[in-house]
Amino acid sequence: AFAIVVEGTVEPLARELSASLSVPTIGIGASPACDGQVLVSDDMLGLFNDFKPRFVKRFAELSPLVSQAVESYADEVRAGRFPGPEHTFQVRK
């Protein structure tokens, strides 16, 4: 193994694992004693609001922006404003 992911583990055990293993540990909800950390990008960017695991830190709240962008896209497609000529390929003369 080149690394071990330690997920949802109590801090003392994750710390002990990190100290005793010869390969790096990557924590996800484990311990700052792990050699590295990982989060699901949707969680850390605030793209998903229905569930927030205890170990997630939100570095942004992008869900409202994404929802607005998708709504604007759908409205423009329905109204025939997108795609426009600048978004399509034309036959060269």
PDB file of N, CA and C in Angstrom:
ATOM      1  N   ALA A   1       0.843  -1.184   0.000  1.00  0.00           N
ATOM      2  CA  ALA A   1       0.000   0.000   0.000  1.00  0.00           C
ATOM      3  C   ALA A   1       0.883   1.241   0.000  1.00  0.00           C
ATOM      4  N   PHE A   2       0.430   2.280  -0.702  1.00  0.00           N
ATOM      5  CA  PHE A   2       1.187   3.535  -0.720  1.00  0.00           C
ATOM      6  C   PHE A   2       0.579   4.561   0.229  1.00  0.00           C
ATOM      7  N   ALA A   3      -0.675   4.330   0.676  1.00  0.00           N
ATOM      8  CA  ALA A   3      -1.354   5.200   1.635  1.00  0.00           C
ATOM      9  C   ALA A   3      -2.598   4.469   2.121  1.00  0.00           C
ATOM     10  N   ILE A   4      -3.118   4.928   3.249  1.00  0.00           N
ATOM     11  CA  ILE A   4      -4.343   4.352   3.799  1.00  0.00           C
ATOM     12  C   ILE A   4      -5.296   5.488   4.138  1.00  0.00           C
ATOM     13  N   VAL A   5      -6.554   5.379   3.693  1.00  0.00           N
ATOM     14  CA  VAL A   5      -7.582   6.353   4.027  1.00  0.00           C
ATOM     15  C   VAL A   5      -8.221   5.922   5.340  1.00  0.00           C
ATOM     16  N   VAL A   6      -8.269   6.850   6.277  1.00  0.00           N
ATOM     17  CA  VAL A   6      -8.861   6.608   7.592  1.00  0.00           C
ATOM     18  C   VAL A   6     -10.114   7.479   7.659  1.00  0.00           C
ATOM     19  N   GLU A   7     -11.284   6.844   7.583  1.00  0.00           N
ATOM     20  CA  GLU A   7     -12.540   7.591   7.475  1.00  0.00           C
ATOM     21  C   GLU A   7     -13.428   7.363   8.683  1.00  0.00           C
ATOM     22  N   GLY A   8     -13.986   8.466   9.196  1.00  0.00           N
ATOM     23  CA  GLY A   8     -14.969   8.406  10.278  1.00  0.00           C
ATOM     24  C   GLY A   8     -14.474   7.616  11.479  1.00  0.00           C
ATOM     25  N   THR A   9     -13.244   7.868  11.872  1.00  0.00           N
ATOM     26  CA  THR A   9     -12.595   7.106  12.946  1.00  0.00           C
ATOM     27  C   THR A   9     -12.353   8.026  14.132  1.00  0.00           C
ATOM     28  N   VAL A  10     -12.508   7.506  15.338  1.00  0.00           N
ATOM     29  CA  VAL A  10     -12.268   8.331  16.531  1.00  0.00           C
ATOM     30  C   VAL A  10     -10.823   8.815  16.532  1.00  0.00           C
ATOM     31  N   GLU A  11     -10.631  10.020  17.004  1.00  0.00           N
ATOM     32  CA  GLU A  11      -9.341  10.691  16.920  1.00  0.00           C
ATOM     33  C   GLU A  11      -8.193   9.896  17.537  1.00  0.00           C
ATOM     34  N   PRO A  12      -8.331   9.330  18.748  1.00  0.00           N
ATOM     35  CA  PRO A  12      -7.189   8.598  19.319  1.00  0.00           C
ATOM     36  C   PRO A  12      -6.737   7.411  18.461  1.00  0.00           C
ATOM     37  N   LEU A  13      -7.679   6.686  17.880  1.00  0.00           N
ATOM     38  CA  LEU A  13      -7.319   5.541  17.041  1.00  0.00           C
ATOM     39  C   LEU A  13      -6.644   6.019  15.751  1.00  0.00           C
ATOM     40  N   ALA A  14      -7.177   7.067  15.130  1.00  0.00           N
ATOM     41  CA  ALA A  14      -6.566   7.596  13.910  1.00  0.00           C
ATOM     42  C   ALA A  14      -5.149   8.085  14.193  1.00  0.00           C
ATOM     43  N   ARG A  15      -4.946   8.719  15.339  1.00  0.00           N
ATOM     44  CA  ARG A  15      -3.613   9.197  15.727  1.00  0.00           C
ATOM     45  C   ARG A  15      -2.660   8.015  15.909  1.00  0.00           C
ATOM     46  N   GLU A  16      -3.139   6.954  16.560  1.00  0.00           N
ATOM     47  CA  GLU A  16      -2.307   5.763  16.789  1.00  0.00           C
ATOM     48  C   GLU A  16      -1.954   5.078  15.464  1.00  0.00           C
ATOM     49  N   LEU A  17      -2.944   4.976  14.575  1.00  0.00           N
ATOM     50  CA  LEU A  17      -2.684   4.383  13.265  1.00  0.00           C
ATOM     51  C   LEU A  17      -1.620   5.188  12.512  1.00  0.00           C
ATOM     52  N   SER A  18      -1.777   6.500  12.517  1.00  0.00           N
ATOM     53  CA  SER A  18      -0.826   7.354  11.803  1.00  0.00           C
ATOM     54  C   SER A  18       0.582   7.221  12.356  1.00  0.00           C
ATOM     55  N   ALA A  19       0.689   7.084  13.668  1.00  0.00           N
ATOM     56  CA  ALA A  19       2.003   6.972  14.293  1.00  0.00           C
ATOM     57  C   ALA A  19       2.646   5.609  14.032  1.00  0.00           C
ATOM     58  N   SER A  20       1.826   4.570  13.870  1.00  0.00           N
ATOM     59  CA  SER A  20       2.380   3.221  13.768  1.00  0.00           C
ATOM     60  C   SER A  20       2.564   2.714  12.337  1.00  0.00           C
ATOM     61  N   LEU A  21       1.938   3.338  11.369  1.00  0.00           N
ATOM     62  CA  LEU A  21       2.032   2.861   9.990  1.00  0.00           C
ATOM     63  C   LEU A  21       3.228   3.474   9.280  1.00  0.00           C
ATOM     64  N   SER A  22       3.792   2.730   8.340  1.00  0.00           N
ATOM     65  CA  SER A  22       4.930   3.240   7.577  1.00  0.00           C
ATOM     66  C   SER A  22       4.492   3.983   6.320  1.00  0.00           C
ATOM     67  N   VAL A  23       3.213   3.894   5.976  1.00  0.00           N
ATOM     68  CA  VAL A  23       2.683   4.622   4.818  1.00  0.00           C
ATOM     69  C   VAL A  23       1.846   5.794   5.327  1.00  0.00           C
ATOM     70  N   PRO A  24       1.682   6.840   4.526  1.00  0.00           N
ATOM     71  CA  PRO A  24       0.886   7.986   4.960  1.00  0.00           C
ATOM     72  C   PRO A  24      -0.580   7.626   5.177  1.00  0.00           C
ATOM     73  N   THR A  25      -1.197   8.304   6.131  1.00  0.00           N
ATOM     74  CA  THR A  25      -2.639   8.164   6.341  1.00  0.00           C
ATOM     75  C   THR A  25      -3.318   9.427   5.839  1.00  0.00           C
ATOM     76  N   ILE A  26      -4.459   9.228   5.207  1.00  0.00           N
ATOM     77  CA  ILE A  26      -5.259  10.331   4.692  1.00  0.00           C
ATOM     78  C   ILE A  26      -6.574  10.307   5.454  1.00  0.00           C
ATOM     79  N   GLY A  27      -6.849  11.361   6.187  1.00  0.00           N
ATOM     80  CA  GLY A  27      -8.042  11.406   7.021  1.00  0.00           C
ATOM     81  C   GLY A  27      -9.228  12.032   6.331  1.00  0.00           C
ATOM     82  N   ILE A  28     -10.398  11.459   6.607  1.00  0.00           N
ATOM     83  CA  ILE A  28     -11.675  12.064   6.248  1.00  0.00           C
ATOM     84  C   ILE A  28     -12.582  11.825   7.454  1.00  0.00           C
ATOM     85  N   GLY A  29     -12.692  12.839   8.270  1.00  0.00           N
ATOM     86  CA  GLY A  29     -13.437  12.698   9.516  1.00  0.00           C
ATOM     87  C   GLY A  29     -12.690  11.850  10.515  1.00  0.00           C
ATOM     88  N   ALA A  30     -11.377  11.995  10.581  1.00  0.00           N
ATOM     89  CA  ALA A  30     -10.584  11.139  11.458  1.00  0.00           C
ATOM     90  C   ALA A  30      -9.777  11.967  12.463  1.00  0.00           C
ATOM     91  N   SER A  31      -8.688  12.569  12.041  1.00  0.00           N
ATOM     92  CA  SER A  31      -7.800  13.235  12.985  1.00  0.00           C
ATOM     93  C   SER A  31      -6.861  14.185  12.259  1.00  0.00           C
ATOM     94  N   PRO A  32      -6.524  15.309  12.886  1.00  0.00           N
ATOM     95  CA  PRO A  32      -5.493  16.161  12.306  1.00  0.00           C
ATOM     96  C   PRO A  32      -4.113  15.503  12.349  1.00  0.00           C
ATOM     97  N   ALA A  33      -3.982  14.403  13.076  1.00  0.00           N
ATOM     98  CA  ALA A  33      -2.712  13.665  13.133  1.00  0.00           C
ATOM     99  C   ALA A  33      -2.465  12.847  11.874  1.00  0.00           C
ATOM    100  N   CYS A  34      -3.479  12.713  11.012  1.00  0.00           N
ATOM    101  CA  CYS A  34      -3.270  12.016   9.742  1.00  0.00           C
ATOM    102  C   CYS A  34      -2.315  12.847   8.887  1.00  0.00           C
ATOM    103  N   ASP A  35      -1.638  12.189   7.976  1.00  0.00           N
ATOM    104  CA  ASP A  35      -0.638  12.853   7.147  1.00  0.00           C
ATOM    105  C   ASP A  35      -1.247  13.782   6.104  1.00  0.00           C
ATOM    106  N   GLY A  36      -2.491  13.561   5.755  1.00  0.00           N
ATOM    107  CA  GLY A  36      -3.188  14.406   4.786  1.00  0.00           C
ATOM    108  C   GLY A  36      -4.678  14.384   5.081  1.00  0.00           C
ATOM    109  N   GLN A  37      -5.408  15.249   4.428  1.00  0.00           N
ATOM    110  CA  GLN A  37      -6.852  15.339   4.629  1.00  0.00           C
ATOM    111  C   GLN A  37      -7.551  15.348   3.277  1.00  0.00           C
ATOM    112  N   VAL A  38      -8.777  14.848   3.257  1.00  0.00           N
ATOM    113  CA  VAL A  38      -9.590  14.866   2.050  1.00  0.00           C
ATOM    114  C   VAL A  38     -11.033  15.156   2.463  1.00  0.00           C
ATOM    115  N   LEU A  39     -11.729  15.905   1.622  1.00  0.00           N
ATOM    116  CA  LEU A  39     -13.161  16.134   1.772  1.00  0.00           C
ATOM    117  C   LEU A  39     -13.807  15.961   0.404  1.00  0.00           C
ATOM    118  N   VAL A  40     -15.066  15.614   0.390  1.00  0.00           N
ATOM    119  CA  VAL A  40     -15.830  15.563  -0.850  1.00  0.00           C
ATOM    120  C   VAL A  40     -16.048  17.007  -1.294  1.00  0.00           C
ATOM    121  N   SER A  41     -15.699  17.317  -2.525  1.00  0.00           N
ATOM    122  CA  SER A  41     -15.758  18.707  -2.982  1.00  0.00           C
ATOM    123  C   SER A  41     -17.168  19.285  -2.879  1.00  0.00           C
ATOM    124  N   ASP A  42     -18.199  18.503  -3.162  1.00  0.00           N
ATOM    125  CA  ASP A  42     -19.566  19.012  -3.035  1.00  0.00           C
ATOM    126  C   ASP A  42     -19.858  19.457  -1.605  1.00  0.00           C
ATOM    127  N   ASP A  43     -19.326  18.745  -0.617  1.00  0.00           N
ATOM    128  CA  ASP A  43     -19.530  19.107   0.784  1.00  0.00           C
ATOM    129  C   ASP A  43     -18.778  20.383   1.141  1.00  0.00           C
ATOM    130  N   MET A  44     -17.497  20.448   0.793  1.00  0.00           N
ATOM    131  CA  MET A  44     -16.698  21.608   1.189  1.00  0.00           C
ATOM    132  C   MET A  44     -17.093  22.882   0.454  1.00  0.00           C
ATOM    133  N   LEU A  45     -17.691  22.735  -0.738  1.00  0.00           N
ATOM    134  CA  LEU A  45     -18.119  23.898  -1.508  1.00  0.00           C
ATOM    135  C   LEU A  45     -19.570  24.288  -1.238  1.00  0.00           C
ATOM    136  N   GLY A  46     -20.250  23.522  -0.395  1.00  0.00           N
ATOM    137  CA  GLY A  46     -21.629  23.847  -0.063  1.00  0.00           C
ATOM    138  C   GLY A  46     -22.581  23.647  -1.224  1.00  0.00           C
ATOM    139  N   LEU A  47     -22.348  22.617  -2.023  1.00  0.00           N
ATOM    140  CA  LEU A  47     -23.222  22.327  -3.165  1.00  0.00           C
ATOM    141  C   LEU A  47     -24.400  21.445  -2.791  1.00  0.00           C
ATOM    142  N   PHE A  48     -24.342  20.826  -1.647  1.00  0.00           N
ATOM    143  CA  PHE A  48     -25.365  19.871  -1.213  1.00  0.00           C
ATOM    144  C   PHE A  48     -25.794  20.261   0.192  1.00  0.00           C
ATOM    145  N   ASN A  49     -27.044  20.660   0.367  1.00  0.00           N
ATOM    146  CA  ASN A  49     -27.493  21.180   1.660  1.00  0.00           C
ATOM    147  C   ASN A  49     -28.312  20.215   2.493  1.00  0.00           C
ATOM    148  N   ASP A  50     -28.729  19.082   1.934  1.00  0.00           N
ATOM    149  CA  ASP A  50     -29.630  18.196   2.661  1.00  0.00           C
ATOM    150  C   ASP A  50     -28.957  17.464   3.811  1.00  0.00           C
ATOM    151  N   PHE A  51     -27.637  17.275   3.726  1.00  0.00           N
ATOM    152  CA  PHE A  51     -26.931  16.527   4.763  1.00  0.00           C
ATOM    153  C   PHE A  51     -25.521  17.077   4.887  1.00  0.00           C
ATOM    154  N   LYS A  52     -25.096  17.321   6.103  1.00  0.00           N
ATOM    155  CA  LYS A  52     -23.735  17.811   6.333  1.00  0.00           C
ATOM    156  C   LYS A  52     -23.081  16.940   7.397  1.00  0.00           C
ATOM    157  N   PRO A  53     -22.140  16.085   6.998  1.00  0.00           N
ATOM    158  CA  PRO A  53     -21.444  15.259   7.978  1.00  0.00           C
ATOM    159  C   PRO A  53     -20.729  16.117   9.022  1.00  0.00           C
ATOM    160  N   ARG A  54     -20.577  15.602  10.202  1.00  0.00           N
ATOM    161  CA  ARG A  54     -19.950  16.321  11.316  1.00  0.00           C
ATOM    162  C   ARG A  54     -18.556  16.827  10.954  1.00  0.00           C
ATOM    163  N   PHE A  55     -17.814  16.056  10.190  1.00  0.00           N
ATOM    164  CA  PHE A  55     -16.423  16.390   9.911  1.00  0.00           C
ATOM    165  C   PHE A  55     -16.238  17.361   8.745  1.00  0.00           C
ATOM    166  N   VAL A  56     -17.331  17.807   8.129  1.00  0.00           N
ATOM    167  CA  VAL A  56     -17.224  18.703   6.976  1.00  0.00           C
ATOM    168  C   VAL A  56     -17.128  20.152   7.445  1.00  0.00           C
ATOM    169  N   LYS A  57     -16.191  20.868   6.857  1.00  0.00           N
ATOM    170  CA  LYS A  57     -16.125  22.313   7.008  1.00  0.00           C
ATOM    171  C   LYS A  57     -16.487  22.910   5.663  1.00  0.00           C
ATOM    172  N   ARG A  58     -17.471  23.795   5.682  1.00  0.00           N
ATOM    173  CA  ARG A  58     -17.891  24.459   4.458  1.00  0.00           C
ATOM    174  C   ARG A  58     -16.964  25.644   4.200  1.00  0.00           C
ATOM    175  N   PHE A  59     -16.280  25.617   3.079  1.00  0.00           N
ATOM    176  CA  PHE A  59     -15.409  26.709   2.696  1.00  0.00           C
ATOM    177  C   PHE A  59     -16.133  27.697   1.783  1.00  0.00           C
ATOM    178  N   ALA A  60     -17.344  27.340   1.354  1.00  0.00           N
ATOM    179  CA  ALA A  60     -18.188  28.213   0.540  1.00  0.00           C
ATOM    180  C   ALA A  60     -19.615  27.692   0.625  1.00  0.00           C
ATOM    181  N   GLU A  61     -20.560  28.521   0.236  1.00  0.00           N
ATOM    182  CA  GLU A  61     -21.971  28.130   0.145  1.00  0.00           C
ATOM    183  C   GLU A  61     -22.423  28.394  -1.291  1.00  0.00           C
ATOM    184  N   LEU A  62     -22.072  27.471  -2.190  1.00  0.00           N
ATOM    185  CA  LEU A  62     -22.318  27.674  -3.613  1.00  0.00           C
ATOM    186  C   LEU A  62     -23.671  27.160  -4.093  1.00  0.00           C
ATOM    187  N   SER A  63     -24.390  26.454  -3.261  1.00  0.00           N
ATOM    188  CA  SER A  63     -25.669  25.876  -3.676  1.00  0.00           C
ATOM    189  C   SER A  63     -26.628  26.920  -4.252  1.00  0.00           C
ATOM    190  N   PRO A  64     -26.808  28.077  -3.601  1.00  0.00           N
ATOM    191  CA  PRO A  64     -27.714  29.074  -4.191  1.00  0.00           C
ATOM    192  C   PRO A  64     -27.240  29.578  -5.556  1.00  0.00           C
ATOM    193  N   LEU A  65     -25.936  29.759  -5.721  1.00  0.00           N
ATOM    194  CA  LEU A  65     -25.405  30.221  -7.006  1.00  0.00           C
ATOM    195  C   LEU A  65     -25.607  29.182  -8.097  1.00  0.00           C
ATOM    196  N   VAL A  66     -25.375  27.925  -7.771  1.00  0.00           N
ATOM    197  CA  VAL A  66     -25.549  26.848  -8.745  1.00  0.00           C
ATOM    198  C   VAL A  66     -27.021  26.728  -9.127  1.00  0.00           C
ATOM    199  N   SER A  67     -27.900  26.796  -8.143  1.00  0.00           N
ATOM    200  CA  SER A  67     -29.340  26.709  -8.424  1.00  0.00           C
ATOM    201  C   SER A  67     -29.781  27.843  -9.346  1.00  0.00           C
ATOM    202  N   GLN A  68     -29.304  29.053  -9.085  1.00  0.00           N
ATOM    203  CA  GLN A  68     -29.659  30.198  -9.928  1.00  0.00           C
ATOM    204  C   GLN A  68     -29.117  30.022 -11.338  1.00  0.00           C
ATOM    205  N   ALA A  69     -27.882  29.538 -11.459  1.00  0.00           N
ATOM    206  CA  ALA A  69     -27.288  29.335 -12.786  1.00  0.00           C
ATOM    207  C   ALA A  69     -28.085  28.297 -13.581  1.00  0.00           C
ATOM    208  N   VAL A  70     -28.467  27.205 -12.949  1.00  0.00           N
ATOM    209  CA  VAL A  70     -29.237  26.160 -13.634  1.00  0.00           C
ATOM    210  C   VAL A  70     -30.605  26.693 -14.036  1.00  0.00           C
ATOM    211  N   GLU A  71     -31.225  27.475 -13.164  1.00  0.00           N
ATOM    212  CA  GLU A  71     -32.527  28.061 -13.471  1.00  0.00           C
ATOM    213  C   GLU A  71     -32.418  29.032 -14.655  1.00  0.00           C
ATOM    214  N   SER A  72     -31.375  29.862 -14.665  1.00  0.00           N
ATOM    215  CA  SER A  72     -31.174  30.799 -15.772  1.00  0.00           C
ATOM    216  C   SER A  72     -30.937  30.061 -17.082  1.00  0.00           C
ATOM    217  N   TYR A  73     -30.116  29.016 -17.029  1.00  0.00           N
ATOM    218  CA  TYR A  73     -29.853  28.196 -18.221  1.00  0.00           C
ATOM    219  C   TYR A  73     -31.165  27.615 -18.762  1.00  0.00           C
ATOM    220  N   ALA A  74     -31.948  26.993 -17.892  1.00  0.00           N
ATOM    221  CA  ALA A  74     -33.207  26.371 -18.331  1.00  0.00           C
ATOM    222  C   ALA A  74     -34.154  27.412 -18.909  1.00  0.00           C
ATOM    223  N   ASP A  75     -34.251  28.587 -18.268  1.00  0.00           N
ATOM    224  CA  ASP A  75     -35.124  29.650 -18.772  1.00  0.00           C
ATOM    225  C   ASP A  75     -34.699  30.093 -20.175  1.00  0.00           C
ATOM    226  N   GLU A  76     -33.384  30.268 -20.388  1.00  0.00           N
ATOM    227  CA  GLU A  76     -32.897  30.718 -21.695  1.00  0.00           C
ATOM    228  C   GLU A  76     -33.105  29.665 -22.779  1.00  0.00           C
ATOM    229  N   VAL A  77     -32.940  28.393 -22.429  1.00  0.00           N
ATOM    230  CA  VAL A  77     -33.184  27.325 -23.407  1.00  0.00           C
ATOM    231  C   VAL A  77     -34.662  27.297 -23.779  1.00  0.00           C
ATOM    232  N   ARG A  78     -35.523  27.345 -22.780  1.00  0.00           N
ATOM    233  CA  ARG A  78     -36.974  27.314 -23.049  1.00  0.00           C
ATOM    234  C   ARG A  78     -37.421  28.509 -23.895  1.00  0.00           C
ATOM    235  N   ALA A  79     -36.825  29.680 -23.649  1.00  0.00           N
ATOM    236  CA  ALA A  79     -37.202  30.894 -24.367  1.00  0.00           C
ATOM    237  C   ALA A  79     -36.519  31.002 -25.730  1.00  0.00           C
ATOM    238  N   GLY A  80     -35.612  30.073 -26.038  1.00  0.00           N
ATOM    239  CA  GLY A  80     -34.920  30.097 -27.317  1.00  0.00           C
ATOM    240  C   GLY A  80     -33.794  31.129 -27.394  1.00  0.00           C
ATOM    241  N   ARG A  81     -33.355  31.644 -26.248  1.00  0.00           N
ATOM    242  CA  ARG A  81     -32.255  32.613 -26.224  1.00  0.00           C
ATOM    243  C   ARG A  81     -30.886  31.936 -26.159  1.00  0.00           C
ATOM    244  N   PHE A  82     -30.859  30.664 -25.821  1.00  0.00           N
ATOM    245  CA  PHE A  82     -29.611  29.897 -25.783  1.00  0.00           C
ATOM    246  C   PHE A  82     -29.868  28.553 -26.427  1.00  0.00           C
ATOM    247  N   PRO A  83     -28.997  28.087 -27.271  1.00  0.00           N
ATOM    248  CA  PRO A  83     -27.746  28.707 -27.708  1.00  0.00           C
ATOM    249  C   PRO A  83     -28.002  29.747 -28.782  1.00  0.00           C
ATOM    250  N   GLY A  84     -27.149  30.754 -28.812  1.00  0.00           N
ATOM    251  CA  GLY A  84     -27.200  31.784 -29.839  1.00  0.00           C
ATOM    252  C   GLY A  84     -26.172  31.482 -30.911  1.00  0.00           C
ATOM    253  N   PRO A  85     -26.129  32.304 -31.940  1.00  0.00           N
ATOM    254  CA  PRO A  85     -25.175  32.084 -33.027  1.00  0.00           C
ATOM    255  C   PRO A  85     -23.727  32.008 -32.535  1.00  0.00           C
ATOM    256  N   GLU A  86     -23.403  32.770 -31.503  1.00  0.00           N
ATOM    257  CA  GLU A  86     -22.035  32.768 -30.982  1.00  0.00           C
ATOM    258  C   GLU A  86     -21.678  31.470 -30.256  1.00  0.00           C
ATOM    259  N   HIS A  87     -22.670  30.615 -30.004  1.00  0.00           N
ATOM    260  CA  HIS A  87     -22.439  29.347 -29.301  1.00  0.00           C
ATOM    261  C   HIS A  87     -22.545  28.137 -30.214  1.00  0.00           C
ATOM    262  N   THR A  88     -22.665  28.382 -31.516  1.00  0.00           N
ATOM    263  CA  THR A  88     -22.814  27.277 -32.455  1.00  0.00           C
ATOM    264  C   THR A  88     -21.732  27.336 -33.525  1.00  0.00           C
ATOM    265  N   PHE A  89     -21.501  26.213 -34.177  1.00  0.00           N
ATOM    266  CA  PHE A  89     -20.527  26.134 -35.264  1.00  0.00           C
ATOM    267  C   PHE A  89     -21.228  26.440 -36.572  1.00  0.00           C
ATOM    268  N   GLN A  90     -20.569  27.216 -37.399  1.00  0.00           N
ATOM    269  CA  GLN A  90     -21.111  27.592 -38.692  1.00  0.00           C
ATOM    270  C   GLN A  90     -20.248  26.997 -39.803  1.00  0.00           C
ATOM    271  N   VAL A  91     -20.818  26.850 -40.979  1.00  0.00           N
ATOM    272  CA  VAL A  91     -20.078  26.376 -42.130  1.00  0.00           C
ATOM    273  C   VAL A  91     -19.280  27.566 -42.673  1.00  0.00           C
ATOM    274  N   ARG A  92     -17.994  27.352 -42.841  1.00  0.00           N
ATOM    275  CA  ARG A  92     -17.142  28.433 -43.390  1.00  0.00           C
ATOM    276  C   ARG A  92     -17.350  28.538 -44.896  1.00  0.00           C
ATOM    277  N   LYS A  93     -17.388  29.760 -45.358  1.00  0.00           N
ATOM    278  CA  LYS A  93     -17.573  30.007 -46.802  1.00  0.00           C
ATOM    279  C   LYS A  93     -16.276  29.904 -47.531  1.00  0.00           C
TER     280      LYS A  93
END
